[in-house]
PDB file of N, CA and C in Angstrom:
ATOM      1  N   MET A   1     -42.217  33.259   6.435  1.00  0.00           N
ATOM      2  CA  MET A   1     -42.957  34.498   6.392  1.00  0.00           C
ATOM      3  C   MET A   1     -44.313  34.272   7.048  1.00  0.00           C
ATOM      4  N   ARG A   2     -44.740  35.233   7.826  1.00  0.00           N
ATOM      5  CA  ARG A   2     -46.037  35.163   8.487  1.00  0.00           C
ATOM      6  C   ARG A   2     -47.142  35.536   7.519  1.00  0.00           C
ATOM      7  N   GLN A   3     -48.338  35.199   7.866  1.00  0.00           N
ATOM      8  CA  GLN A   3     -49.508  35.572   7.072  1.00  0.00           C
ATOM      9  C   GLN A   3     -49.909  36.994   7.419  1.00  0.00           C
ATOM     10  N   PHE A   4     -50.059  37.839   6.410  1.00  0.00           N
ATOM     11  CA  PHE A   4     -50.507  39.203   6.665  1.00  0.00           C
ATOM     12  C   PHE A   4     -51.986  39.191   7.003  1.00  0.00           C
ATOM     13  N   ASP A   5     -52.481  40.296   7.569  1.00  0.00           N
ATOM     14  CA  ASP A   5     -53.864  40.387   8.021  1.00  0.00           C
ATOM     15  C   ASP A   5     -54.511  41.621   7.416  1.00  0.00           C
ATOM     16  N   LYS A   6     -54.909  41.511   6.152  1.00  0.00           N
ATOM     17  CA  LYS A   6     -55.558  42.618   5.446  1.00  0.00           C
ATOM     18  C   LYS A   6     -56.994  42.744   5.935  1.00  0.00           C
ATOM     19  N   THR A   7     -57.346  43.882   6.507  1.00  0.00           N
ATOM     20  CA  THR A   7     -58.714  44.058   6.988  1.00  0.00           C
ATOM     21  C   THR A   7     -59.479  45.131   6.226  1.00  0.00           C
ATOM     22  N   HIS A   8     -58.803  46.080   5.622  1.00  0.00           N
ATOM     23  CA  HIS A   8     -59.473  47.163   4.901  1.00  0.00           C
ATOM     24  C   HIS A   8     -58.650  47.560   3.678  1.00  0.00           C
ATOM     25  N   ALA A   9     -59.347  48.041   2.653  1.00  0.00           N
ATOM     26  CA  ALA A   9     -58.676  48.569   1.466  1.00  0.00           C
ATOM     27  C   ALA A   9     -59.535  49.683   0.880  1.00  0.00           C
ATOM     28  N   ILE A  10     -58.893  50.588   0.147  1.00  0.00           N
ATOM     29  CA  ILE A  10     -59.588  51.650  -0.563  1.00  0.00           C
ATOM     30  C   ILE A  10     -59.187  51.571  -2.027  1.00  0.00           C
ATOM     31  N   THR A  11     -59.952  52.210  -2.891  1.00  0.00           N
ATOM     32  CA  THR A  11     -59.619  52.269  -4.308  1.00  0.00           C
ATOM     33  C   THR A  11     -59.126  53.669  -4.630  1.00  0.00           C
ATOM     34  N   LEU A  12     -57.981  53.734  -5.296  1.00  0.00           N
ATOM     35  CA  LEU A  12     -57.399  54.998  -5.730  1.00  0.00           C
ATOM     36  C   LEU A  12     -57.190  54.953  -7.239  1.00  0.00           C
ATOM     37  N   VAL A  13     -57.100  56.097  -7.877  1.00  0.00           N
ATOM     38  CA  VAL A  13     -56.723  56.161  -9.283  1.00  0.00           C
ATOM     39  C   VAL A  13     -55.238  56.502  -9.317  1.00  0.00           C
ATOM     40  N   ALA A  14     -54.466  55.655  -9.991  1.00  0.00           N
ATOM     41  CA  ALA A  14     -53.022  55.858 -10.062  1.00  0.00           C
ATOM     42  C   ALA A  14     -52.698  57.119 -10.851  1.00  0.00           C
ATOM     43  N   ALA A  15     -51.960  58.041 -10.242  1.00  0.00           N
ATOM     44  CA  ALA A  15     -51.529  59.264 -10.918  1.00  0.00           C
ATOM     45  C   ALA A  15     -50.289  58.997 -11.766  1.00  0.00           C
ATOM     46  N   VAL A  16     -49.544  57.967 -11.394  1.00  0.00           N
ATOM     47  CA  VAL A  16     -48.343  57.521 -12.106  1.00  0.00           C
ATOM     48  C   VAL A  16     -48.360  55.996 -12.105  1.00  0.00           C
ATOM     49  N   ALA A  17     -47.482  55.375 -12.858  1.00  0.00           N
ATOM     50  CA  ALA A  17     -47.383  53.915 -12.810  1.00  0.00           C
ATOM     51  C   ALA A  17     -46.972  53.499 -11.403  1.00  0.00           C
ATOM     52  N   LEU A  18     -47.685  52.529 -10.839  1.00  0.00           N
ATOM     53  CA  LEU A  18     -47.417  52.064  -9.481  1.00  0.00           C
ATOM     54  C   LEU A  18     -47.068  50.581  -9.500  1.00  0.00           C
ATOM     55  N   GLU A  19     -46.145  50.195  -8.650  1.00  0.00           N
ATOM     56  CA  GLU A  19     -45.750  48.800  -8.509  1.00  0.00           C
ATOM     57  C   GLU A  19     -46.568  48.134  -7.404  1.00  0.00           C
ATOM     58  N   GLN A  20     -46.662  46.823  -7.448  1.00  0.00           N
ATOM     59  CA  GLN A  20     -47.322  46.036  -6.413  1.00  0.00           C
ATOM     60  C   GLN A  20     -46.481  46.055  -5.137  1.00  0.00           C
ATOM     61  N   TYR A  21     -47.130  45.980  -3.995  1.00  0.00           N
ATOM     62  CA  TYR A  21     -46.478  45.925  -2.677  1.00  0.00           C
ATOM     63  C   TYR A  21     -45.667  47.182  -2.360  1.00  0.00           C
ATOM     64  N   ARG A  22     -46.171  48.331  -2.752  1.00  0.00           N
ATOM     65  CA  ARG A  22     -45.491  49.606  -2.469  1.00  0.00           C
ATOM     66  C   ARG A  22     -46.446  50.555  -1.760  1.00  0.00           C
ATOM     67  N   PHE A  23     -45.885  51.439  -0.952  1.00  0.00           N
ATOM     68  CA  PHE A  23     -46.688  52.489  -0.337  1.00  0.00           C
ATOM     69  C   PHE A  23     -47.211  53.403  -1.444  1.00  0.00           C
ATOM     70  N   VAL A  24     -48.457  53.866  -1.279  1.00  0.00           N
ATOM     71  CA  VAL A  24     -49.082  54.772  -2.237  1.00  0.00           C
ATOM     72  C   VAL A  24     -49.693  55.940  -1.469  1.00  0.00           C
ATOM     73  N   SER A  25     -49.684  57.116  -2.092  1.00  0.00           N
ATOM     74  CA  SER A  25     -50.227  58.308  -1.436  1.00  0.00           C
ATOM     75  C   SER A  25     -51.723  58.446  -1.696  1.00  0.00           C
ATOM     76  N   TYR A  26     -52.357  59.320  -0.928  1.00  0.00           N
ATOM     77  CA  TYR A  26     -53.780  59.604  -1.128  1.00  0.00           C
ATOM     78  C   TYR A  26     -54.036  60.167  -2.525  1.00  0.00           C
ATOM     79  N   ALA A  27     -53.042  60.813  -3.119  1.00  0.00           N
ATOM     80  CA  ALA A  27     -53.176  61.398  -4.449  1.00  0.00           C
ATOM     81  C   ALA A  27     -52.939  60.372  -5.555  1.00  0.00           C
ATOM     82  N   GLY A  28     -52.653  59.110  -5.188  1.00  0.00           N
ATOM     83  CA  GLY A  28     -52.444  58.071  -6.190  1.00  0.00           C
ATOM     84  C   GLY A  28     -51.036  58.016  -6.740  1.00  0.00           C
ATOM     85  N   GLY A  29     -50.115  58.660  -6.056  1.00  0.00           N
ATOM     86  CA  GLY A  29     -48.717  58.662  -6.492  1.00  0.00           C
ATOM     87  C   GLY A  29     -47.805  58.046  -5.457  1.00  0.00           C
ATOM     88  N   VAL A  30     -46.532  58.312  -5.623  1.00  0.00           N
ATOM     89  CA  VAL A  30     -45.539  57.832  -4.660  1.00  0.00           C
ATOM     90  C   VAL A  30     -45.511  58.818  -3.495  1.00  0.00           C
ATOM     91  N   PRO A  31     -45.696  58.335  -2.263  1.00  0.00           N
ATOM     92  CA  PRO A  31     -45.718  59.243  -1.112  1.00  0.00           C
ATOM     93  C   PRO A  31     -44.335  59.798  -0.800  1.00  0.00           C
ATOM     94  N   VAL A  32     -44.331  60.948  -0.149  1.00  0.00           N
ATOM     95  CA  VAL A  32     -43.064  61.522   0.294  1.00  0.00           C
ATOM     96  C   VAL A  32     -42.779  61.033   1.703  1.00  0.00           C
ATOM     97  N   ALA A  33     -41.514  60.866   2.017  1.00  0.00           N
ATOM     98  CA  ALA A  33     -41.117  60.324   3.316  1.00  0.00           C
ATOM     99  C   ALA A  33     -41.491  61.250   4.458  1.00  0.00           C
ATOM    100  N   SER A  34     -41.313  62.522   4.280  1.00  0.00           N
ATOM    101  CA  SER A  34     -41.613  63.463   5.352  1.00  0.00           C
ATOM    102  C   SER A  34     -41.873  64.829   4.752  1.00  0.00           C
ATOM    103  N   GLY A  35     -42.437  65.693   5.560  1.00  0.00           N
ATOM    104  CA  GLY A  35     -42.601  67.059   5.097  1.00  0.00           C
ATOM    105  C   GLY A  35     -44.026  67.489   4.858  1.00  0.00           C
ATOM    106  N   ALA A  36     -44.433  67.568   3.601  1.00  0.00           N
ATOM    107  CA  ALA A  36     -45.680  68.220   3.192  1.00  0.00           C
ATOM    108  C   ALA A  36     -46.934  67.652   3.825  1.00  0.00           C
ATOM    109  N   GLY A  37     -47.080  66.353   3.874  1.00  0.00           N
ATOM    110  CA  GLY A  37     -48.282  65.752   4.451  1.00  0.00           C
ATOM    111  C   GLY A  37     -49.465  65.842   3.510  1.00  0.00           C
ATOM    112  N   GLY A  38     -50.651  65.671   4.052  1.00  0.00           N
ATOM    113  CA  GLY A  38     -51.873  65.751   3.247  1.00  0.00           C
ATOM    114  C   GLY A  38     -51.946  64.675   2.181  1.00  0.00           C
ATOM    115  N   ALA A  39     -52.193  65.071   0.942  1.00  0.00           N
ATOM    116  CA  ALA A  39     -52.390  64.134  -0.165  1.00  0.00           C
ATOM    117  C   ALA A  39     -51.139  63.323  -0.482  1.00  0.00           C
ATOM    118  N   THR A  40     -49.961  63.772  -0.008  1.00  0.00           N
ATOM    119  CA  THR A  40     -48.722  63.043  -0.280  1.00  0.00           C
ATOM    120  C   THR A  40     -48.370  62.044   0.815  1.00  0.00           C
ATOM    121  N   ASP A  41     -49.192  61.988   1.878  1.00  0.00           N
ATOM    122  CA  ASP A  41     -48.981  60.989   2.934  1.00  0.00           C
ATOM    123  C   ASP A  41     -49.333  59.599   2.425  1.00  0.00           C
ATOM    124  N   VAL A  42     -48.873  58.582   3.122  1.00  0.00           N
ATOM    125  CA  VAL A  42     -49.175  57.201   2.774  1.00  0.00           C
ATOM    126  C   VAL A  42     -50.645  56.911   3.072  1.00  0.00           C
ATOM    127  N   ALA A  43     -51.356  56.432   2.048  1.00  0.00           N
ATOM    128  CA  ALA A  43     -52.751  56.015   2.209  1.00  0.00           C
ATOM    129  C   ALA A  43     -52.825  54.525   2.504  1.00  0.00           C
ATOM    130  N   GLY A  44     -51.880  53.763   1.951  1.00  0.00           N
ATOM    131  CA  GLY A  44     -51.878  52.319   2.117  1.00  0.00           C
ATOM    132  C   GLY A  44     -50.810  51.682   1.252  1.00  0.00           C
ATOM    133  N   VAL A  45     -51.008  50.384   0.954  1.00  0.00           N
ATOM    134  CA  VAL A  45     -50.049  49.611   0.165  1.00  0.00           C
ATOM    135  C   VAL A  45     -50.778  49.009  -1.030  1.00  0.00           C
ATOM    136  N   THR A  46     -50.212  49.162  -2.218  1.00  0.00           N
ATOM    137  CA  THR A  46     -50.852  48.648  -3.422  1.00  0.00           C
ATOM    138  C   THR A  46     -50.923  47.127  -3.412  1.00  0.00           C
ATOM    139  N   GLU A  47     -52.101  46.602  -3.768  1.00  0.00           N
ATOM    140  CA  GLU A  47     -52.271  45.149  -3.871  1.00  0.00           C
ATOM    141  C   GLU A  47     -51.777  44.639  -5.220  1.00  0.00           C
ATOM    142  N   PHE A  48     -51.843  45.485  -6.232  1.00  0.00           N
ATOM    143  CA  PHE A  48     -51.451  45.117  -7.589  1.00  0.00           C
ATOM    144  C   PHE A  48     -50.740  46.292  -8.236  1.00  0.00           C
ATOM    145  N   ALA A  49     -50.017  46.039  -9.318  1.00  0.00           N
ATOM    146  CA  ALA A  49     -49.423  47.118 -10.102  1.00  0.00           C
ATOM    147  C   ALA A  49     -50.530  47.812 -10.885  1.00  0.00           C
ATOM    148  N   ALA A  50     -50.329  49.079 -11.225  1.00  0.00           N
ATOM    149  CA  ALA A  50     -51.325  49.828 -11.991  1.00  0.00           C
ATOM    150  C   ALA A  50     -50.626  50.859 -12.863  1.00  0.00           C
ATOM    151  N   ALA A  51     -51.123  51.029 -14.071  1.00  0.00           N
ATOM    152  CA  ALA A  51     -50.633  52.084 -14.955  1.00  0.00           C
ATOM    153  C   ALA A  51     -51.313  53.394 -14.563  1.00  0.00           C
ATOM    154  N   ALA A  52     -50.716  54.515 -14.958  1.00  0.00           N
ATOM    155  CA  ALA A  52     -51.325  55.821 -14.679  1.00  0.00           C
ATOM    156  C   ALA A  52     -52.734  55.841 -15.242  1.00  0.00           C
ATOM    157  N   GLY A  53     -53.686  56.309 -14.423  1.00  0.00           N
ATOM    158  CA  GLY A  53     -55.074  56.393 -14.834  1.00  0.00           C
ATOM    159  C   GLY A  53     -55.911  55.179 -14.480  1.00  0.00           C
ATOM    160  N   GLU A  54     -55.281  54.085 -14.081  1.00  0.00           N
ATOM    161  CA  GLU A  54     -56.004  52.875 -13.696  1.00  0.00           C
ATOM    162  C   GLU A  54     -56.380  52.913 -12.222  1.00  0.00           C
ATOM    163  N   ALA A  55     -57.469  52.239 -11.888  1.00  0.00           N
ATOM    164  CA  ALA A  55     -57.856  52.089 -10.489  1.00  0.00           C
ATOM    165  C   ALA A  55     -56.978  51.021  -9.847  1.00  0.00           C
ATOM    166  N   VAL A  56     -56.636  51.222  -8.581  1.00  0.00           N
ATOM    167  CA  VAL A  56     -55.818  50.263  -7.843  1.00  0.00           C
ATOM    168  C   VAL A  56     -56.313  50.211  -6.400  1.00  0.00           C
ATOM    169  N   SER A  57     -56.331  49.018  -5.831  1.00  0.00           N
ATOM    170  CA  SER A  57     -56.715  48.898  -4.426  1.00  0.00           C
ATOM    171  C   SER A  57     -55.481  49.060  -3.549  1.00  0.00           C
ATOM    172  N   ALA A  58     -55.680  49.742  -2.437  1.00  0.00           N
ATOM    173  CA  ALA A  58     -54.608  49.972  -1.471  1.00  0.00           C
ATOM    174  C   ALA A  58     -55.068  49.489  -0.103  1.00  0.00           C
ATOM    175  N   VAL A  59     -54.326  48.572   0.466  1.00  0.00           N
ATOM    176  CA  VAL A  59     -54.642  48.045   1.789  1.00  0.00           C
ATOM    177  C   VAL A  59     -54.343  49.132   2.821  1.00  0.00           C
ATOM    178  N   THR A  60     -55.308  49.381   3.707  1.00  0.00           N
ATOM    179  CA  THR A  60     -55.156  50.442   4.703  1.00  0.00           C
ATOM    180  C   THR A  60     -55.069  49.939   6.139  1.00  0.00           C
ATOM    181  N   GLY A  61     -55.394  48.697   6.408  1.00  0.00           N
ATOM    182  CA  GLY A  61     -55.334  48.191   7.775  1.00  0.00           C
ATOM    183  C   GLY A  61     -55.351  46.685   7.770  1.00  0.00           C
ATOM    184  N   TYR A  62     -54.954  46.126   8.641  1.00  0.00           N
ATOM    185  CA  TYR A  62     -54.086  46.018   9.788  1.00  0.00           C
ATOM    186  C   TYR A  62     -52.632  45.873   9.334  1.00  0.00           C
ATOM    187  N   SER A  63     -52.355  44.836   8.512  1.00  0.00           N
ATOM    188  CA  SER A  63     -50.984  44.671   8.027  1.00  0.00           C
ATOM    189  C   SER A  63     -50.999  44.196   6.588  1.00  0.00           C
ATOM    190  N   TYR A  64     -49.878  44.421   5.898  1.00  0.00           N
ATOM    191  CA  TYR A  64     -49.746  43.953   4.527  1.00  0.00           C
ATOM    192  C   TYR A  64     -48.265  43.845   4.186  1.00  0.00           C
ATOM    193  N   LEU A  65     -47.988  43.183   3.075  1.00  0.00           N
ATOM    194  CA  LEU A  65     -46.612  43.006   2.627  1.00  0.00           C
ATOM    195  C   LEU A  65     -46.160  44.236   1.860  1.00  0.00           C
ATOM    196  N   VAL A  66     -44.928  44.698   2.143  1.00  0.00           N
ATOM    197  CA  VAL A  66     -44.350  45.855   1.476  1.00  0.00           C
ATOM    198  C   VAL A  66     -42.942  45.484   1.033  1.00  0.00           C
ATOM    199  N   GLU A  67     -42.597  45.842  -0.201  1.00  0.00           N
ATOM    200  CA  GLU A  67     -41.228  45.614  -0.677  1.00  0.00           C
ATOM    201  C   GLU A  67     -40.288  46.576   0.045  1.00  0.00           C
ATOM    202  N   THR A  68     -39.116  46.089   0.430  1.00  0.00           N
ATOM    203  CA  THR A  68     -38.159  46.914   1.170  1.00  0.00           C
ATOM    204  C   THR A  68     -37.108  47.521   0.246  1.00  0.00           C
ATOM    205  N   GLY A  69     -36.648  48.679   0.611  1.00  0.00           N
ATOM    206  CA  GLY A  69     -35.577  49.347  -0.126  1.00  0.00           C
ATOM    207  C   GLY A  69     -34.276  49.294   0.643  1.00  0.00           C
ATOM    208  N   ALA A  70     -34.301  48.695   1.818  1.00  0.00           N
ATOM    209  CA  ALA A  70     -33.136  48.524   2.687  1.00  0.00           C
ATOM    210  C   ALA A  70     -33.474  47.397   3.657  1.00  0.00           C
ATOM    211  N   GLY A  71     -32.461  46.847   4.286  1.00  0.00           N
ATOM    212  CA  GLY A  71     -32.713  45.819   5.286  1.00  0.00           C
ATOM    213  C   GLY A  71     -33.528  46.371   6.439  1.00  0.00           C
ATOM    214  N   ILE A  72     -34.530  45.618   6.871  1.00  0.00           N
ATOM    215  CA  ILE A  72     -35.408  46.052   7.958  1.00  0.00           C
ATOM    216  C   ILE A  72     -35.525  44.913   8.964  1.00  0.00           C
ATOM    217  N   THR A  73     -35.471  45.251  10.244  1.00  0.00           N
ATOM    218  CA  THR A  73     -35.577  44.281  11.323  1.00  0.00           C
ATOM    219  C   THR A  73     -36.961  44.384  11.957  1.00  0.00           C
ATOM    220  N   ALA A  74     -37.535  43.251  12.317  1.00  0.00           N
ATOM    221  CA  ALA A  74     -38.838  43.244  12.982  1.00  0.00           C
ATOM    222  C   ALA A  74     -38.824  44.208  14.167  1.00  0.00           C
ATOM    223  N   GLY A  75     -39.868  45.015  14.278  1.00  0.00           N
ATOM    224  CA  GLY A  75     -39.993  45.981  15.357  1.00  0.00           C
ATOM    225  C   GLY A  75     -39.601  47.390  14.970  1.00  0.00           C
ATOM    226  N   GLN A  76     -38.857  47.549  13.876  1.00  0.00           N
ATOM    227  CA  GLN A  76     -38.444  48.889  13.470  1.00  0.00           C
ATOM    228  C   GLN A  76     -39.609  49.649  12.840  1.00  0.00           C
ATOM    229  N   PHE A  77     -39.606  50.967  13.030  1.00  0.00           N
ATOM    230  CA  PHE A  77     -40.551  51.818  12.327  1.00  0.00           C
ATOM    231  C   PHE A  77     -40.122  51.881  10.868  1.00  0.00           C
ATOM    232  N   VAL A  78     -41.100  52.011   9.963  1.00  0.00           N
ATOM    233  CA  VAL A  78     -40.792  52.140   8.540  1.00  0.00           C
ATOM    234  C   VAL A  78     -41.495  53.361   7.969  1.00  0.00           C
ATOM    235  N   LYS A  79     -40.950  53.859   6.872  1.00  0.00           N
ATOM    236  CA  LYS A  79     -41.525  54.987   6.154  1.00  0.00           C
ATOM    237  C   LYS A  79     -41.285  54.743   4.659  1.00  0.00           C
ATOM    238  N   PRO A  80     -41.920  55.531   3.788  1.00  0.00           N
ATOM    239  CA  PRO A  80     -41.709  55.333   2.359  1.00  0.00           C
ATOM    240  C   PRO A  80     -40.350  55.857   1.920  1.00  0.00           C
ATOM    241  N   GLY A  81     -39.696  55.081   1.071  1.00  0.00           N
ATOM    242  CA  GLY A  81     -38.459  55.506   0.443  1.00  0.00           C
ATOM    243  C   GLY A  81     -38.724  55.753  -1.032  1.00  0.00           C
ATOM    244  N   ALA A  82     -37.677  55.726  -1.838  1.00  0.00           N
ATOM    245  CA  ALA A  82     -37.814  55.946  -3.276  1.00  0.00           C
ATOM    246  C   ALA A  82     -38.797  54.958  -3.881  1.00  0.00           C
ATOM    247  N   ASN A  83     -39.683  55.439  -4.727  1.00  0.00           N
ATOM    248  CA  ASN A  83     -40.666  54.608  -5.433  1.00  0.00           C
ATOM    249  C   ASN A  83     -41.607  53.846  -4.507  1.00  0.00           C
ATOM    250  N   GLY A  84     -41.776  54.302  -3.272  1.00  0.00           N
ATOM    251  CA  GLY A  84     -42.742  53.700  -2.365  1.00  0.00           C
ATOM    252  C   GLY A  84     -42.291  52.469  -1.613  1.00  0.00           C
ATOM    253  N   VAL A  85     -41.011  52.104  -1.716  1.00  0.00           N
ATOM    254  CA  VAL A  85     -40.516  50.962  -0.942  1.00  0.00           C
ATOM    255  C   VAL A  85     -40.398  51.349   0.526  1.00  0.00           C
ATOM    256  N   ALA A  86     -40.341  50.357   1.398  1.00  0.00           N
ATOM    257  CA  ALA A  86     -40.201  50.613   2.836  1.00  0.00           C
ATOM    258  C   ALA A  86     -38.733  50.765   3.204  1.00  0.00           C
ATOM    259  N   VAL A  87     -38.436  51.795   3.977  1.00  0.00           N
ATOM    260  CA  VAL A  87     -37.101  51.999   4.538  1.00  0.00           C
ATOM    261  C   VAL A  87     -37.275  52.269   6.030  1.00  0.00           C
ATOM    262  N   VAL A  88     -36.194  52.245   6.762  1.00  0.00           N
ATOM    263  CA  VAL A  88     -36.258  52.451   8.211  1.00  0.00           C
ATOM    264  C   VAL A  88     -36.698  53.879   8.527  1.00  0.00           C
ATOM    265  N   GLY A  89     -37.684  53.988   9.408  1.00  0.00           N
ATOM    266  CA  GLY A  89     -38.173  55.280   9.868  1.00  0.00           C
ATOM    267  C   GLY A  89     -37.803  55.496  11.325  1.00  0.00           C
ATOM    268  N   SER A  90     -38.540  56.350  11.989  1.00  0.00           N
ATOM    269  CA  SER A  90     -38.307  56.633  13.410  1.00  0.00           C
ATOM    270  C   SER A  90     -39.662  56.850  14.083  1.00  0.00           C
ATOM    271  N   ILE A  91     -39.649  57.033  15.381  1.00  0.00           N
ATOM    272  CA  ILE A  91     -40.897  57.241  16.108  1.00  0.00           C
ATOM    273  C   ILE A  91     -41.601  58.522  15.658  1.00  0.00           C
ATOM    274  N   THR A  92     -40.861  59.503  15.157  1.00  0.00           N
ATOM    275  CA  THR A  92     -41.460  60.760  14.712  1.00  0.00           C
ATOM    276  C   THR A  92     -41.621  60.845  13.201  1.00  0.00           C
ATOM    277  N   ASP A  93     -41.195  59.818  12.452  1.00  0.00           N
ATOM    278  CA  ASP A  93     -41.277  59.825  10.992  1.00  0.00           C
ATOM    279  C   ASP A  93     -41.509  58.397  10.515  1.00  0.00           C
ATOM    280  N   ASN A  94     -42.795  58.000  10.436  1.00  0.00           N
ATOM    281  CA  ASN A  94     -43.109  56.625  10.042  1.00  0.00           C
ATOM    282  C   ASN A  94     -44.532  56.516   9.520  1.00  0.00           C
ATOM    283  N   CYS A  95     -44.814  55.364   8.917  1.00  0.00           N
ATOM    284  CA  CYS A  95     -46.190  55.047   8.502  1.00  0.00           C
ATOM    285  C   CYS A  95     -46.521  53.600   8.852  1.00  0.00           C
ATOM    286  N   GLY A  96     -45.649  52.979   9.651  1.00  0.00           N
ATOM    287  CA  GLY A  96     -45.914  51.610  10.060  1.00  0.00           C
ATOM    288  C   GLY A  96     -44.768  51.038  10.867  1.00  0.00           C
ATOM    289  N   ARG A  97     -44.937  49.777  11.224  1.00  0.00           N
ATOM    290  CA  ARG A  97     -43.928  49.074  12.016  1.00  0.00           C
ATOM    291  C   ARG A  97     -43.732  47.687  11.426  1.00  0.00           C
ATOM    292  N   ALA A  98     -42.476  47.295  11.235  1.00  0.00           N
ATOM    293  CA  ALA A  98     -42.169  45.983  10.654  1.00  0.00           C
ATOM    294  C   ALA A  98     -42.543  44.870  11.611  1.00  0.00           C
ATOM    295  N   LEU A  99     -43.270  43.878  11.111  1.00  0.00           N
ATOM    296  CA  LEU A  99     -43.616  42.707  11.905  1.00  0.00           C
ATOM    297  C   LEU A  99     -42.696  41.536  11.597  1.00  0.00           C
ATOM    298  N   THR A 100     -41.946  41.651  10.506  1.00  0.00           N
ATOM    299  CA  THR A 100     -40.975  40.620  10.117  1.00  0.00           C
ATOM    300  C   THR A 100     -39.668  41.288   9.738  1.00  0.00           C
ATOM    301  N   THR A 101     -38.602  40.502   9.685  1.00  0.00           N
ATOM    302  CA  THR A 101     -37.300  40.977   9.234  1.00  0.00           C
ATOM    303  C   THR A 101     -37.160  40.667   7.754  1.00  0.00           C
ATOM    304  N   ALA A 102     -36.609  41.592   6.984  1.00  0.00           N
ATOM    305  CA  ALA A 102     -36.455  41.376   5.542  1.00  0.00           C
ATOM    306  C   ALA A 102     -35.218  42.094   5.023  1.00  0.00           C
ATOM    307  N   ALA A 103     -34.560  41.472   4.056  1.00  0.00           N
ATOM    308  CA  ALA A 103     -33.418  42.083   3.381  1.00  0.00           C
ATOM    309  C   ALA A 103     -33.920  43.084   2.345  1.00  0.00           C
ATOM    310  N   SER A 104     -33.051  43.922   1.849  1.00  0.00           N
ATOM    311  CA  SER A 104     -33.404  44.874   0.806  1.00  0.00           C
ATOM    312  C   SER A 104     -33.943  44.138  -0.419  1.00  0.00           C
ATOM    313  N   GLY A 105     -35.065  44.613  -0.951  1.00  0.00           N
ATOM    314  CA  GLY A 105     -35.668  44.006  -2.128  1.00  0.00           C
ATOM    315  C   GLY A 105     -36.607  42.848  -1.827  1.00  0.00           C
ATOM    316  N   ALA A 106     -36.747  42.490  -0.549  1.00  0.00           N
ATOM    317  CA  ALA A 106     -37.646  41.400  -0.144  1.00  0.00           C
ATOM    318  C   ALA A 106     -38.974  41.984   0.328  1.00  0.00           C
ATOM    319  N   LEU A 107     -39.914  41.105   0.647  1.00  0.00           N
ATOM    320  CA  LEU A 107     -41.195  41.548   1.182  1.00  0.00           C
ATOM    321  C   LEU A 107     -41.177  41.452   2.703  1.00  0.00           C
ATOM    322  N   CYS A 108     -41.701  42.502   3.340  1.00  0.00           N
ATOM    323  CA  CYS A 108     -41.751  42.591   4.802  1.00  0.00           C
ATOM    324  C   CYS A 108     -43.195  42.823   5.204  1.00  0.00           C
ATOM    325  N   GLU A 109     -43.675  42.115   6.210  1.00  0.00           N
ATOM    326  CA  GLU A 109     -45.016  42.388   6.719  1.00  0.00           C
ATOM    327  C   GLU A 109     -44.937  43.641   7.590  1.00  0.00           C
ATOM    328  N   VAL A 110     -45.792  44.608   7.284  1.00  0.00           N
ATOM    329  CA  VAL A 110     -45.788  45.884   7.992  1.00  0.00           C
ATOM    330  C   VAL A 110     -47.156  46.129   8.604  1.00  0.00           C
ATOM    331  N   LYS A 111     -47.176  46.462   9.903  1.00  0.00           N
ATOM    332  CA  LYS A 111     -48.413  46.905  10.559  1.00  0.00           C
ATOM    333  C   LYS A 111     -48.596  48.357  10.161  1.00  0.00           C
ATOM    334  N   LEU A 112     -49.656  48.627   9.433  1.00  0.00           N
ATOM    335  CA  LEU A 112     -49.889  49.963   8.896  1.00  0.00           C
ATOM    336  C   LEU A 112     -50.418  50.901   9.963  1.00  0.00           C
ATOM    337  N   GLN A 113     -49.895  52.131   9.976  1.00  0.00           N
ATOM    338  CA  GLN A 113     -50.280  53.159  10.942  1.00  0.00           C
ATOM    339  C   GLN A 113     -50.478  54.470  10.185  1.00  0.00           C
ATOM    340  N   ASN A 114     -51.100  55.430  10.819  1.00  0.00           N
ATOM    341  CA  ASN A 114     -51.206  56.764  10.202  1.00  0.00           C
ATOM    342  C   ASN A 114     -49.815  57.314   9.963  1.00  0.00           C
ATOM    343  N   HIS A 115     -49.627  57.961   8.829  1.00  0.00           N
ATOM    344  CA  HIS A 115     -48.329  58.530   8.471  1.00  0.00           C
ATOM    345  C   HIS A 115     -48.052  59.748   9.352  1.00  0.00           C
ATOM    346  N   VAL A 116     -46.986  59.672  10.140  1.00  0.00           N
ATOM    347  CA  VAL A 116     -46.556  60.795  10.972  1.00  0.00           C
ATOM    348  C   VAL A 116     -45.163  61.223  10.528  1.00  0.00           C
ATOM    349  N   HIS A 117     -44.919  62.499  10.568  1.00  0.00           N
ATOM    350  CA  HIS A 117     -43.604  63.010  10.183  1.00  0.00           C
ATOM    351  C   HIS A 117     -43.397  64.397  10.768  1.00  0.00           C
ATOM    352  N   PRO A 118     -42.114  64.821  10.801  1.00  0.00           N
ATOM    353  CA  PRO A 118     -41.819  66.138  11.383  1.00  0.00           C
ATOM    354  C   PRO A 118     -42.394  67.276  10.565  1.00  0.00           C
TER     355      PRO A 118
END
């Protein structure tokens, strides 16, 4: 596994219980894969688990480790899946790009990007 390159993080208040190494929304919850946008877009990746109401740091740039919900190959676009895990995205529906290959349930280094979706 390569070394991730965390350069920035923000603090959010968890709206629900959050797991470590998962995508988190600007509203402090689990982001939606596509659609609504705004507060439900991916803000970053949680550095630690947090209970609802607790403060949690979310890495916002350059890259960080994200738990996968499906097998991902280096170079593929990724987006949030169920519970904030990374799943395969597309050029028009993504919030990052995989820098490493990972099996489902493993950690994948993801280059974080602005969340784009149809």
